[in-house]
């Protein structure tokens, strides 16, 4: 994955960075994000379901002796269509209308073309 600063025209805001993931058709890939459920954090993915399929969504709680419920959220996707696809994760809080944070990925699925 390679980070690249990119302007997001859909929101009018610059994304902090866009990471590129290169896979083959039918290949799966994982994305890991830190999530603190004690604060009400929840990562919500947004993607074209005709191009990417969510295979698994898992949460690995960090072992601690206190009441904090935080850990690593893992998403596994399978690429089902060639080309370049956008995958956006927004960190949502139950009581807010806007995202607390966002992570943007450009998924390039090799179909004989060059990434774009």
PDB file of N, CA and C in Angstrom:
ATOM      1  N   UNK A   1       0.847  -1.171   0.000  1.00  0.00           N
ATOM      2  CA  UNK A   1       0.000   0.000   0.000  1.00  0.00           C
ATOM      3  C   UNK A   1       0.889   1.229   0.000  1.00  0.00           C
ATOM      4  N   UNK A   2       0.538   2.199  -0.830  1.00  0.00           N
ATOM      5  CA  UNK A   2       1.315   3.432  -0.874  1.00  0.00           C
ATOM      6  C   UNK A   2       0.406   4.626  -0.629  1.00  0.00           C
ATOM      7  N   UNK A   3       0.735   5.475   0.389  1.00  0.00           N
ATOM      8  CA  UNK A   3      -0.103   6.640   0.683  1.00  0.00           C
ATOM      9  C   UNK A   3       0.151   7.776  -0.288  1.00  0.00           C
ATOM     10  N   UNK A   4      -0.906   8.444  -0.712  1.00  0.00           N
ATOM     11  CA  UNK A   4      -0.827   9.588  -1.598  1.00  0.00           C
ATOM     12  C   UNK A   4      -1.853  10.610  -1.166  1.00  0.00           C
ATOM     13  N   UNK A   5      -1.434  11.887  -0.929  1.00  0.00           N
ATOM     14  CA  UNK A   5      -2.441  12.892  -0.603  1.00  0.00           C
ATOM     15  C   UNK A   5      -3.306  13.182  -1.823  1.00  0.00           C
ATOM     16  N   UNK A   6      -4.599  13.174  -1.658  1.00  0.00           N
ATOM     17  CA  UNK A   6      -5.521  13.366  -2.771  1.00  0.00           C
ATOM     18  C   UNK A   6      -6.674  14.249  -2.326  1.00  0.00           C
ATOM     19  N   UNK A   7      -7.165  15.091  -3.244  1.00  0.00           N
ATOM     20  CA  UNK A   7      -8.351  15.896  -2.960  1.00  0.00           C
ATOM     21  C   UNK A   7      -9.583  15.063  -3.295  1.00  0.00           C
ATOM     22  N   UNK A   8     -10.549  15.044  -2.400  1.00  0.00           N
ATOM     23  CA  UNK A   8     -11.780  14.275  -2.596  1.00  0.00           C
ATOM     24  C   UNK A   8     -12.866  15.209  -3.109  1.00  0.00           C
ATOM     25  N   UNK A   9     -13.170  15.199  -4.419  1.00  0.00           N
ATOM     26  CA  UNK A   9     -14.176  16.112  -4.958  1.00  0.00           C
ATOM     27  C   UNK A   9     -15.586  15.818  -4.478  1.00  0.00           C
ATOM     28  N   UNK A  10     -15.848  14.600  -3.999  1.00  0.00           N
ATOM     29  CA  UNK A  10     -17.209  14.273  -3.562  1.00  0.00           C
ATOM     30  C   UNK A  10     -17.586  15.002  -2.280  1.00  0.00           C
ATOM     31  N   UNK A  11     -16.605  15.345  -1.462  1.00  0.00           N
ATOM     32  CA  UNK A  11     -16.892  16.051  -0.213  1.00  0.00           C
ATOM     33  C   UNK A  11     -16.355  17.470  -0.213  1.00  0.00           C
ATOM     34  N   UNK A  12     -15.485  17.792  -1.173  1.00  0.00           N
ATOM     35  CA  UNK A  12     -14.877  19.109  -1.202  1.00  0.00           C
ATOM     36  C   UNK A  12     -13.729  19.241  -0.231  1.00  0.00           C
ATOM     37  N   UNK A  13     -13.390  18.163   0.472  1.00  0.00           N
ATOM     38  CA  UNK A  13     -12.309  18.193   1.452  1.00  0.00           C
ATOM     39  C   UNK A  13     -11.153  17.327   0.981  1.00  0.00           C
ATOM     40  N   UNK A  14      -9.931  17.734   1.328  1.00  0.00           N
ATOM     41  CA  UNK A  14      -8.807  16.862   0.986  1.00  0.00           C
ATOM     42  C   UNK A  14      -8.777  15.662   1.922  1.00  0.00           C
ATOM     43  N   UNK A  15      -8.547  14.495   1.371  1.00  0.00           N
ATOM     44  CA  UNK A  15      -8.350  13.317   2.206  1.00  0.00           C
ATOM     45  C   UNK A  15      -6.946  13.396   2.785  1.00  0.00           C
ATOM     46  N   UNK A  16      -6.781  12.882   3.997  1.00  0.00           N
ATOM     47  CA  UNK A  16      -5.468  12.912   4.633  1.00  0.00           C
ATOM     48  C   UNK A  16      -4.466  12.162   3.765  1.00  0.00           C
ATOM     49  N   UNK A  17      -4.844  11.018   3.298  1.00  0.00           N
ATOM     50  CA  UNK A  17      -4.022  10.238   2.386  1.00  0.00           C
ATOM     51  C   UNK A  17      -4.884   9.142   1.785  1.00  0.00           C
ATOM     52  N   UNK A  18      -4.505   8.732   0.601  1.00  0.00           N
ATOM     53  CA  UNK A  18      -5.181   7.619  -0.056  1.00  0.00           C
ATOM     54  C   UNK A  18      -4.155   6.506  -0.188  1.00  0.00           C
ATOM     55  N   UNK A  19      -4.501   5.317   0.243  1.00  0.00           N
ATOM     56  CA  UNK A  19      -3.601   4.181   0.131  1.00  0.00           C
ATOM     57  C   UNK A  19      -4.064   3.317  -1.025  1.00  0.00           C
ATOM     58  N   UNK A  20      -3.113   2.888  -1.836  1.00  0.00           N
ATOM     59  CA  UNK A  20      -3.420   2.048  -2.986  1.00  0.00           C
ATOM     60  C   UNK A  20      -3.143   0.589  -2.647  1.00  0.00           C
ATOM     61  N   UNK A  21      -4.110  -0.253  -2.974  1.00  0.00           N
ATOM     62  CA  UNK A  21      -3.995  -1.694  -2.775  1.00  0.00           C
ATOM     63  C   UNK A  21      -4.128  -2.341  -4.144  1.00  0.00           C
ATOM     64  N   UNK A  22      -3.178  -3.204  -4.514  1.00  0.00           N
ATOM     65  CA  UNK A  22      -3.224  -3.901  -5.799  1.00  0.00           C
ATOM     66  C   UNK A  22      -3.506  -5.379  -5.564  1.00  0.00           C
ATOM     67  N   UNK A  23      -4.543  -5.885  -6.226  1.00  0.00           N
ATOM     68  CA  UNK A  23      -4.924  -7.293  -6.093  1.00  0.00           C
ATOM     69  C   UNK A  23      -5.320  -7.842  -7.457  1.00  0.00           C
ATOM     70  N   UNK A  24      -5.446  -9.144  -7.536  1.00  0.00           N
ATOM     71  CA  UNK A  24      -5.934  -9.817  -8.740  1.00  0.00           C
ATOM     72  C   UNK A  24      -7.420 -10.102  -8.580  1.00  0.00           C
ATOM     73  N   UNK A  25      -8.148 -10.276  -9.689  1.00  0.00           N
ATOM     74  CA  UNK A  25      -9.570 -10.624  -9.575  1.00  0.00           C
ATOM     75  C   UNK A  25      -9.747 -11.911  -8.764  1.00  0.00           C
ATOM     76  N   UNK A  26     -10.694 -11.896  -7.831  1.00  0.00           N
ATOM     77  CA  UNK A  26     -10.952 -13.049  -6.980  1.00  0.00           C
ATOM     78  C   UNK A  26     -10.086 -13.108  -5.732  1.00  0.00           C
ATOM     79  N   UNK A  27      -9.075 -12.256  -5.654  1.00  0.00           N
ATOM     80  CA  UNK A  27      -8.169 -12.244  -4.504  1.00  0.00           C
ATOM     81  C   UNK A  27      -8.784 -11.459  -3.347  1.00  0.00           C
ATOM     82  N   UNK A  28      -8.508 -11.908  -2.127  1.00  0.00           N
ATOM     83  CA  UNK A  28      -8.986 -11.219  -0.925  1.00  0.00           C
ATOM     84  C   UNK A  28      -7.876 -10.360  -0.342  1.00  0.00           C
ATOM     85  N   UNK A  29      -8.268  -9.322   0.397  1.00  0.00           N
ATOM     86  CA  UNK A  29      -7.308  -8.467   1.093  1.00  0.00           C
ATOM     87  C   UNK A  29      -7.951  -7.992   2.386  1.00  0.00           C
ATOM     88  N   UNK A  30      -7.106  -7.661   3.366  1.00  0.00           N
ATOM     89  CA  UNK A  30      -7.580  -7.237   4.688  1.00  0.00           C
ATOM     90  C   UNK A  30      -7.160  -5.805   4.976  1.00  0.00           C
ATOM     91  N   UNK A  31      -8.021  -5.113   5.721  1.00  0.00           N
ATOM     92  CA  UNK A  31      -7.731  -3.774   6.221  1.00  0.00           C
ATOM     93  C   UNK A  31      -7.989  -3.799   7.723  1.00  0.00           C
ATOM     94  N   UNK A  32      -7.009  -3.326   8.500  1.00  0.00           N
ATOM     95  CA  UNK A  32      -7.098  -3.315   9.963  1.00  0.00           C
ATOM     96  C   UNK A  32      -7.164  -1.870  10.450  1.00  0.00           C
ATOM     97  N   UNK A  33      -8.118  -1.570  11.314  1.00  0.00           N
ATOM     98  CA  UNK A  33      -8.293  -0.226  11.865  1.00  0.00           C
ATOM     99  C   UNK A  33      -8.520  -0.316  13.372  1.00  0.00           C
ATOM    100  N   UNK A  34      -7.977   0.653  14.112  1.00  0.00           N
ATOM    101  CA  UNK A  34      -8.156   0.706  15.561  1.00  0.00           C
ATOM    102  C   UNK A  34      -9.531   1.275  15.870  1.00  0.00           C
ATOM    103  N   UNK A  35     -10.238   0.665  16.816  1.00  0.00           N
ATOM    104  CA  UNK A  35     -11.583   1.105  17.167  1.00  0.00           C
ATOM    105  C   UNK A  35     -11.742   1.081  18.686  1.00  0.00           C
ATOM    106  N   UNK A  36     -12.246   2.171  19.257  1.00  0.00           N
ATOM    107  CA  UNK A  36     -12.494   2.262  20.700  1.00  0.00           C
ATOM    108  C   UNK A  36     -14.003   2.283  20.919  1.00  0.00           C
ATOM    109  N   UNK A  37     -14.564   1.135  21.193  1.00  0.00           N
ATOM    110  CA  UNK A  37     -16.019   1.031  21.349  1.00  0.00           C
ATOM    111  C   UNK A  37     -16.504   1.657  22.650  1.00  0.00           C
ATOM    112  N   UNK A  38     -15.594   1.851  23.607  1.00  0.00           N
ATOM    113  CA  UNK A  38     -15.972   2.526  24.849  1.00  0.00           C
ATOM    114  C   UNK A  38     -16.437   3.950  24.553  1.00  0.00           C
ATOM    115  N   UNK A  39     -15.793   4.597  23.585  1.00  0.00           N
ATOM    116  CA  UNK A  39     -16.148   5.958  23.169  1.00  0.00           C
ATOM    117  C   UNK A  39     -17.305   5.966  22.169  1.00  0.00           C
ATOM    118  N   UNK A  40     -17.737   4.802  21.720  1.00  0.00           N
ATOM    119  CA  UNK A  40     -18.817   4.729  20.744  1.00  0.00           C
ATOM    120  C   UNK A  40     -18.336   4.737  19.311  1.00  0.00           C
ATOM    121  N   UNK A  41     -17.032   4.508  19.097  1.00  0.00           N
ATOM    122  CA  UNK A  41     -16.483   4.525  17.743  1.00  0.00           C
ATOM    123  C   UNK A  41     -16.924   3.289  16.963  1.00  0.00           C
ATOM    124  N   UNK A  42     -17.171   3.494  15.674  1.00  0.00           N
ATOM    125  CA  UNK A  42     -17.549   2.403  14.787  1.00  0.00           C
ATOM    126  C   UNK A  42     -17.099   2.757  13.379  1.00  0.00           C
ATOM    127  N   UNK A  43     -16.220   1.926  12.786  1.00  0.00           N
ATOM    128  CA  UNK A  43     -15.784   2.152  11.408  1.00  0.00           C
ATOM    129  C   UNK A  43     -16.854   1.619  10.457  1.00  0.00           C
ATOM    130  N   UNK A  44     -17.280   2.458   9.518  1.00  0.00           N
ATOM    131  CA  UNK A  44     -18.327   2.100   8.562  1.00  0.00           C
ATOM    132  C   UNK A  44     -17.737   2.165   7.151  1.00  0.00           C
ATOM    133  N   UNK A  45     -17.691   1.021   6.430  1.00  0.00           N
ATOM    134  CA  UNK A  45     -17.152   1.033   5.074  1.00  0.00           C
ATOM    135  C   UNK A  45     -18.196   1.464   4.046  1.00  0.00           C
ATOM    136  N   UNK A  46     -17.707   2.111   2.995  1.00  0.00           N
ATOM    137  CA  UNK A  46     -18.550   2.513   1.870  1.00  0.00           C
ATOM    138  C   UNK A  46     -17.824   2.099   0.592  1.00  0.00           C
ATOM    139  N   UNK A  47     -18.509   1.325  -0.262  1.00  0.00           N
ATOM    140  CA  UNK A  47     -17.868   0.779  -1.456  1.00  0.00           C
ATOM    141  C   UNK A  47     -18.935   0.300  -2.430  1.00  0.00           C
ATOM    142  N   UNK A  48     -18.517   0.037  -3.664  1.00  0.00           N
ATOM    143  CA  UNK A  48     -19.411  -0.498  -4.691  1.00  0.00           C
ATOM    144  C   UNK A  48     -19.464  -2.018  -4.531  1.00  0.00           C
ATOM    145  N   UNK A  49     -20.606  -2.535  -4.121  1.00  0.00           N
ATOM    146  CA  UNK A  49     -20.730  -3.973  -3.851  1.00  0.00           C
ATOM    147  C   UNK A  49     -20.680  -4.828  -5.118  1.00  0.00           C
ATOM    148  N   UNK A  50     -20.747  -4.205  -6.294  1.00  0.00           N
ATOM    149  CA  UNK A  50     -20.592  -4.953  -7.537  1.00  0.00           C
ATOM    150  C   UNK A  50     -19.110  -5.187  -7.846  1.00  0.00           C
ATOM    151  N   UNK A  51     -18.224  -4.448  -7.180  1.00  0.00           N
ATOM    152  CA  UNK A  51     -16.785  -4.547  -7.420  1.00  0.00           C
ATOM    153  C   UNK A  51     -16.037  -5.232  -6.286  1.00  0.00           C
ATOM    154  N   UNK A  52     -16.492  -4.978  -5.061  1.00  0.00           N
ATOM    155  CA  UNK A  52     -15.858  -5.541  -3.872  1.00  0.00           C
ATOM    156  C   UNK A  52     -16.922  -6.206  -3.010  1.00  0.00           C
ATOM    157  N   UNK A  53     -16.577  -7.349  -2.434  1.00  0.00           N
ATOM    158  CA  UNK A  53     -17.500  -8.079  -1.564  1.00  0.00           C
ATOM    159  C   UNK A  53     -16.881  -8.156  -0.175  1.00  0.00           C
ATOM    160  N   UNK A  54     -17.647  -7.768   0.849  1.00  0.00           N
ATOM    161  CA  UNK A  54     -17.188  -7.894   2.230  1.00  0.00           C
ATOM    162  C   UNK A  54     -17.322  -9.356   2.641  1.00  0.00           C
ATOM    163  N   UNK A  55     -16.190  -9.997   2.918  1.00  0.00           N
ATOM    164  CA  UNK A  55     -16.155 -11.414   3.261  1.00  0.00           C
ATOM    165  C   UNK A  55     -16.220 -11.611   4.772  1.00  0.00           C
ATOM    166  N   UNK A  56     -15.511 -10.738   5.514  1.00  0.00           N
ATOM    167  CA  UNK A  56     -15.456 -10.894   6.968  1.00  0.00           C
ATOM    168  C   UNK A  56     -15.280  -9.535   7.634  1.00  0.00           C
ATOM    169  N   UNK A  57     -15.926  -9.370   8.779  1.00  0.00           N
ATOM    170  CA  UNK A  57     -15.817  -8.170   9.609  1.00  0.00           C
ATOM    171  C   UNK A  57     -15.615  -8.675  11.033  1.00  0.00           C
ATOM    172  N   UNK A  58     -14.410  -8.473  11.581  1.00  0.00           N
ATOM    173  CA  UNK A  58     -14.070  -9.059  12.870  1.00  0.00           C
ATOM    174  C   UNK A  58     -13.485  -7.999  13.799  1.00  0.00           C
ATOM    175  N   UNK A  59     -13.669  -8.183  15.092  1.00  0.00           N
ATOM    176  CA  UNK A  59     -13.138  -7.269  16.102  1.00  0.00           C
ATOM    177  C   UNK A  59     -12.325  -8.066  17.106  1.00  0.00           C
ATOM    178  N   UNK A  60     -11.043  -7.706  17.268  1.00  0.00           N
ATOM    179  CA  UNK A  60     -10.167  -8.374  18.224  1.00  0.00           C
ATOM    180  C   UNK A  60      -9.937  -7.427  19.396  1.00  0.00           C
ATOM    181  N   UNK A  61     -10.566  -7.729  20.506  1.00  0.00           N
ATOM    182  CA  UNK A  61     -10.494  -6.880  21.702  1.00  0.00           C
ATOM    183  C   UNK A  61      -9.094  -6.935  22.303  1.00  0.00           C
ATOM    184  N   UNK A  62      -8.592  -5.784  22.714  1.00  0.00           N
ATOM    185  CA  UNK A  62      -7.307  -5.698  23.391  1.00  0.00           C
ATOM    186  C   UNK A  62      -7.460  -6.218  24.816  1.00  0.00           C
ATOM    187  N   UNK A  63      -6.558  -7.085  25.215  1.00  0.00           N
ATOM    188  CA  UNK A  63      -6.609  -7.631  26.576  1.00  0.00           C
ATOM    189  C   UNK A  63      -6.156  -6.562  27.563  1.00  0.00           C
ATOM    190  N   UNK A  64      -7.026  -6.249  28.505  1.00  0.00           N
ATOM    191  CA  UNK A  64      -6.671  -5.288  29.554  1.00  0.00           C
ATOM    192  C   UNK A  64      -7.488  -5.614  30.798  1.00  0.00           C
ATOM    193  N   UNK A  65      -7.018  -5.121  31.925  1.00  0.00           N
ATOM    194  CA  UNK A  65      -7.698  -5.413  33.174  1.00  0.00           C
ATOM    195  C   UNK A  65      -8.737  -4.379  33.544  1.00  0.00           C
ATOM    196  N   UNK A  66      -9.102  -3.514  32.601  1.00  0.00           N
ATOM    197  CA  UNK A  66     -10.103  -2.489  32.915  1.00  0.00           C
ATOM    198  C   UNK A  66     -11.327  -2.635  32.016  1.00  0.00           C
ATOM    199  N   UNK A  67     -12.220  -1.705  32.109  1.00  0.00           N
ATOM    200  CA  UNK A  67     -13.502  -1.802  31.395  1.00  0.00           C
ATOM    201  C   UNK A  67     -13.454  -1.242  29.976  1.00  0.00           C
ATOM    202  N   UNK A  68     -12.266  -0.887  29.488  1.00  0.00           N
ATOM    203  CA  UNK A  68     -12.145  -0.315  28.146  1.00  0.00           C
ATOM    204  C   UNK A  68     -12.421  -1.389  27.100  1.00  0.00           C
ATOM    205  N   UNK A  69     -13.243  -1.059  26.122  1.00  0.00           N
ATOM    206  CA  UNK A  69     -13.590  -1.987  25.042  1.00  0.00           C
ATOM    207  C   UNK A  69     -13.010  -1.440  23.745  1.00  0.00           C
ATOM    208  N   UNK A  70     -11.711  -1.685  23.544  1.00  0.00           N
ATOM    209  CA  UNK A  70     -11.060  -1.205  22.332  1.00  0.00           C
ATOM    210  C   UNK A  70     -10.253  -2.340  21.733  1.00  0.00           C
ATOM    211  N   UNK A  71      -9.921  -2.190  20.451  1.00  0.00           N
ATOM    212  CA  UNK A  71      -9.158  -3.227  19.789  1.00  0.00           C
ATOM    213  C   UNK A  71      -9.042  -2.986  18.305  1.00  0.00           C
ATOM    214  N   UNK A  72      -8.672  -4.040  17.590  1.00  0.00           N
ATOM    215  CA  UNK A  72      -8.430  -3.956  16.156  1.00  0.00           C
ATOM    216  C   UNK A  72      -9.630  -4.500  15.389  1.00  0.00           C
ATOM    217  N   UNK A  73     -10.173  -3.675  14.528  1.00  0.00           N
ATOM    218  CA  UNK A  73     -11.273  -4.088  13.653  1.00  0.00           C
ATOM    219  C   UNK A  73     -10.668  -4.503  12.326  1.00  0.00           C
ATOM    220  N   UNK A  74     -10.989  -5.679  11.860  1.00  0.00           N
ATOM    221  CA  UNK A  74     -10.444  -6.216  10.614  1.00  0.00           C
ATOM    222  C   UNK A  74     -11.561  -6.451   9.616  1.00  0.00           C
ATOM    223  N   UNK A  75     -11.364  -5.931   8.427  1.00  0.00           N
ATOM    224  CA  UNK A  75     -12.302  -6.128   7.328  1.00  0.00           C
ATOM    225  C   UNK A  75     -11.587  -6.921   6.243  1.00  0.00           C
ATOM    226  N   UNK A  76     -12.241  -7.971   5.741  1.00  0.00           N
ATOM    227  CA  UNK A  76     -11.693  -8.722   4.612  1.00  0.00           C
ATOM    228  C   UNK A  76     -12.637  -8.556   3.431  1.00  0.00           C
ATOM    229  N   UNK A  77     -12.071  -8.137   2.300  1.00  0.00           N
ATOM    230  CA  UNK A  77     -12.834  -7.935   1.073  1.00  0.00           C
ATOM    231  C   UNK A  77     -12.296  -8.853  -0.010  1.00  0.00           C
ATOM    232  N   UNK A  78     -13.152  -9.200  -0.965  1.00  0.00           N
ATOM    233  CA  UNK A  78     -12.742  -9.936  -2.158  1.00  0.00           C
ATOM    234  C   UNK A  78     -13.041  -9.062  -3.365  1.00  0.00           C
ATOM    235  N   UNK A  79     -12.054  -8.940  -4.231  1.00  0.00           N
ATOM    236  CA  UNK A  79     -12.215  -8.162  -5.460  1.00  0.00           C
ATOM    237  C   UNK A  79     -12.915  -9.034  -6.498  1.00  0.00           C
ATOM    238  N   UNK A  80     -14.037  -8.551  -7.029  1.00  0.00           N
ATOM    239  CA  UNK A  80     -14.795  -9.357  -7.994  1.00  0.00           C
ATOM    240  C   UNK A  80     -14.883  -8.707  -9.371  1.00  0.00           C
ATOM    241  N   UNK A  81     -14.406  -7.472  -9.515  1.00  0.00           N
ATOM    242  CA  UNK A  81     -14.442  -6.793 -10.815  1.00  0.00           C
ATOM    243  C   UNK A  81     -13.123  -6.072 -11.034  1.00  0.00           C
ATOM    244  N   UNK A  82     -12.621  -6.132 -12.263  1.00  0.00           N
ATOM    245  CA  UNK A  82     -11.374  -5.457 -12.589  1.00  0.00           C
ATOM    246  C   UNK A  82     -11.531  -3.949 -12.615  1.00  0.00           C
ATOM    247  N   UNK A  83     -10.405  -3.249 -12.542  1.00  0.00           N
ATOM    248  CA  UNK A  83     -10.411  -1.791 -12.597  1.00  0.00           C
ATOM    249  C   UNK A  83     -10.005  -1.175 -11.274  1.00  0.00           C
ATOM    250  N   UNK A  84     -10.232   0.134 -11.159  1.00  0.00           N
ATOM    251  CA  UNK A  84      -9.889   0.867  -9.944  1.00  0.00           C
ATOM    252  C   UNK A  84     -11.158   1.197  -9.174  1.00  0.00           C
ATOM    253  N   UNK A  85     -11.168   0.868  -7.894  1.00  0.00           N
ATOM    254  CA  UNK A  85     -12.359   1.050  -7.065  1.00  0.00           C
ATOM    255  C   UNK A  85     -12.001   1.826  -5.803  1.00  0.00           C
ATOM    256  N   UNK A  86     -12.939   2.594  -5.314  1.00  0.00           N
ATOM    257  CA  UNK A  86     -12.742   3.420  -4.118  1.00  0.00           C
ATOM    258  C   UNK A  86     -13.411   2.745  -2.917  1.00  0.00           C
ATOM    259  N   UNK A  87     -12.664   2.667  -1.821  1.00  0.00           N
ATOM    260  CA  UNK A  87     -13.138   2.068  -0.577  1.00  0.00           C
ATOM    261  C   UNK A  87     -12.891   3.090   0.532  1.00  0.00           C
ATOM    262  N   UNK A  88     -13.971   3.574   1.155  1.00  0.00           N
ATOM    263  CA  UNK A  88     -13.866   4.627   2.166  1.00  0.00           C
ATOM    264  C   UNK A  88     -14.386   4.094   3.499  1.00  0.00           C
ATOM    265  N   UNK A  89     -13.622   4.321   4.561  1.00  0.00           N
ATOM    266  CA  UNK A  89     -14.043   3.991   5.920  1.00  0.00           C
ATOM    267  C   UNK A  89     -14.237   5.290   6.678  1.00  0.00           C
ATOM    268  N   UNK A  90     -15.393   5.434   7.312  1.00  0.00           N
ATOM    269  CA  UNK A  90     -15.648   6.595   8.151  1.00  0.00           C
ATOM    270  C   UNK A  90     -15.820   6.124   9.585  1.00  0.00           C
ATOM    271  N   UNK A  91     -15.105   6.802  10.502  1.00  0.00           N
ATOM    272  CA  UNK A  91     -15.243   6.486  11.926  1.00  0.00           C
ATOM    273  C   UNK A  91     -16.435   7.278  12.445  1.00  0.00           C
ATOM    274  N   UNK A  92     -17.492   6.564  12.769  1.00  0.00           N
ATOM    275  CA  UNK A  92     -18.740   7.185  13.217  1.00  0.00           C
ATOM    276  C   UNK A  92     -18.896   7.067  14.727  1.00  0.00           C
ATOM    277  N   UNK A  93     -19.573   8.049  15.286  1.00  0.00           N
ATOM    278  CA  UNK A  93     -19.958   8.042  16.690  1.00  0.00           C
ATOM    279  C   UNK A  93     -21.477   8.083  16.695  1.00  0.00           C
ATOM    280  N   UNK A  94     -22.117   7.323  17.556  1.00  0.00           N
ATOM    281  CA  UNK A  94     -23.569   7.197  17.555  1.00  0.00           C
ATOM    282  C   UNK A  94     -24.337   8.496  17.661  1.00  0.00           C
ATOM    283  N   UNK A  95     -23.779   9.508  18.287  1.00  0.00           N
ATOM    284  CA  UNK A  95     -24.510  10.754  18.534  1.00  0.00           C
ATOM    285  C   UNK A  95     -24.104  11.882  17.597  1.00  0.00           C
ATOM    286  N   UNK A  96     -23.210  11.604  16.608  1.00  0.00           N
ATOM    287  CA  UNK A  96     -22.748  12.655  15.702  1.00  0.00           C
ATOM    288  C   UNK A  96     -23.270  12.415  14.291  1.00  0.00           C
ATOM    289  N   UNK A  97     -23.502  13.503  13.567  1.00  0.00           N
ATOM    290  CA  UNK A  97     -23.954  13.388  12.183  1.00  0.00           C
ATOM    291  C   UNK A  97     -22.786  13.315  11.210  1.00  0.00           C
ATOM    292  N   UNK A  98     -21.625  13.780  11.617  1.00  0.00           N
ATOM    293  CA  UNK A  98     -20.457  13.787  10.742  1.00  0.00           C
ATOM    294  C   UNK A  98     -19.439  12.760  11.228  1.00  0.00           C
ATOM    295  N   UNK A  99     -18.587  12.343  10.306  1.00  0.00           N
ATOM    296  CA  UNK A  99     -17.567  11.349  10.641  1.00  0.00           C
ATOM    297  C   UNK A  99     -16.461  11.978  11.481  1.00  0.00           C
ATOM    298  N   UNK A 100     -15.964  11.226  12.432  1.00  0.00           N
ATOM    299  CA  UNK A 100     -14.861  11.648  13.295  1.00  0.00           C
ATOM    300  C   UNK A 100     -13.534  11.576  12.541  1.00  0.00           C
ATOM    301  N   UNK A 101     -13.418  10.601  11.646  1.00  0.00           N
ATOM    302  CA  UNK A 101     -12.194  10.367  10.877  1.00  0.00           C
ATOM    303  C   UNK A 101     -12.582   9.585   9.633  1.00  0.00           C
ATOM    304  N   UNK A 102     -11.698   9.558   8.640  1.00  0.00           N
ATOM    305  CA  UNK A 102     -11.947   8.744   7.449  1.00  0.00           C
ATOM    306  C   UNK A 102     -10.635   8.239   6.892  1.00  0.00           C
ATOM    307  N   UNK A 103     -10.713   7.051   6.316  1.00  0.00           N
ATOM    308  CA  UNK A 103      -9.566   6.427   5.657  1.00  0.00           C
ATOM    309  C   UNK A 103     -10.026   6.046   4.262  1.00  0.00           C
ATOM    310  N   UNK A 104      -9.214   6.379   3.280  1.00  0.00           N
ATOM    311  CA  UNK A 104      -9.586   6.149   1.887  1.00  0.00           C
ATOM    312  C   UNK A 104      -8.570   5.211   1.242  1.00  0.00           C
ATOM    313  N   UNK A 105      -9.087   4.220   0.536  1.00  0.00           N
ATOM    314  CA  UNK A 105      -8.252   3.258  -0.170  1.00  0.00           C
ATOM    315  C   UNK A 105      -8.665   3.230  -1.637  1.00  0.00           C
ATOM    316  N   UNK A 106      -7.676   3.175  -2.511  1.00  0.00           N
ATOM    317  CA  UNK A 106      -7.902   2.970  -3.940  1.00  0.00           C
ATOM    318  C   UNK A 106      -7.500   1.524  -4.206  1.00  0.00           C
ATOM    319  N   UNK A 107      -8.462   0.704  -4.606  1.00  0.00           N
ATOM    320  CA  UNK A 107      -8.203  -0.714  -4.839  1.00  0.00           C
ATOM    321  C   UNK A 107      -8.082  -0.929  -6.337  1.00  0.00           C
ATOM    322  N   UNK A 108      -6.896  -1.295  -6.776  1.00  0.00           N
ATOM    323  CA  UNK A 108      -6.667  -1.570  -8.185  1.00  0.00           C
ATOM    324  C   UNK A 108      -6.684  -3.078  -8.382  1.00  0.00           C
ATOM    325  N   UNK A 109      -7.664  -3.537  -9.156  1.00  0.00           N
ATOM    326  CA  UNK A 109      -7.812  -4.960  -9.456  1.00  0.00           C
ATOM    327  C   UNK A 109      -7.302  -5.171 -10.869  1.00  0.00           C
ATOM    328  N   UNK A 110      -6.171  -5.869 -10.992  1.00  0.00           N
ATOM    329  CA  UNK A 110      -5.524  -6.023 -12.294  1.00  0.00           C
ATOM    330  C   UNK A 110      -6.421  -6.794 -13.252  1.00  0.00           C
ATOM    331  N   UNK A 111      -6.682  -6.154 -14.376  1.00  0.00           N
ATOM    332  CA  UNK A 111      -7.476  -6.795 -15.432  1.00  0.00           C
ATOM    333  C   UNK A 111      -6.793  -6.594 -16.775  1.00  0.00           C
ATOM    334  N   UNK A 112      -5.472  -6.413 -16.730  1.00  0.00           N
ATOM    335  CA  UNK A 112      -4.716  -6.182 -17.949  1.00  0.00           C
ATOM    336  C   UNK A 112      -4.518  -4.705 -18.252  1.00  0.00           C
ATOM    337  N   UNK A 113      -5.073  -3.813 -17.430  1.00  0.00           N
ATOM    338  CA  UNK A 113      -4.894  -2.373 -17.633  1.00  0.00           C
ATOM    339  C   UNK A 113      -3.894  -1.846 -16.610  1.00  0.00           C
ATOM    340  N   UNK A 114      -3.516  -0.601 -16.756  1.00  0.00           N
ATOM    341  CA  UNK A 114      -2.629   0.031 -15.781  1.00  0.00           C
ATOM    342  C   UNK A 114      -3.473   0.731 -14.735  1.00  0.00           C
ATOM    343  N   UNK A 115      -2.965   0.850 -13.500  1.00  0.00           N
ATOM    344  CA  UNK A 115      -3.755   1.511 -12.453  1.00  0.00           C
ATOM    345  C   UNK A 115      -4.021   2.964 -12.782  1.00  0.00           C
ATOM    346  N   UNK A 116      -5.220   3.447 -12.349  1.00  0.00           N
ATOM    347  CA  UNK A 116      -5.546   4.841 -12.651  1.00  0.00           C
ATOM    348  C   UNK A 116      -6.419   5.452 -11.633  1.00  0.00           C
TER     349      UNK A 116
END
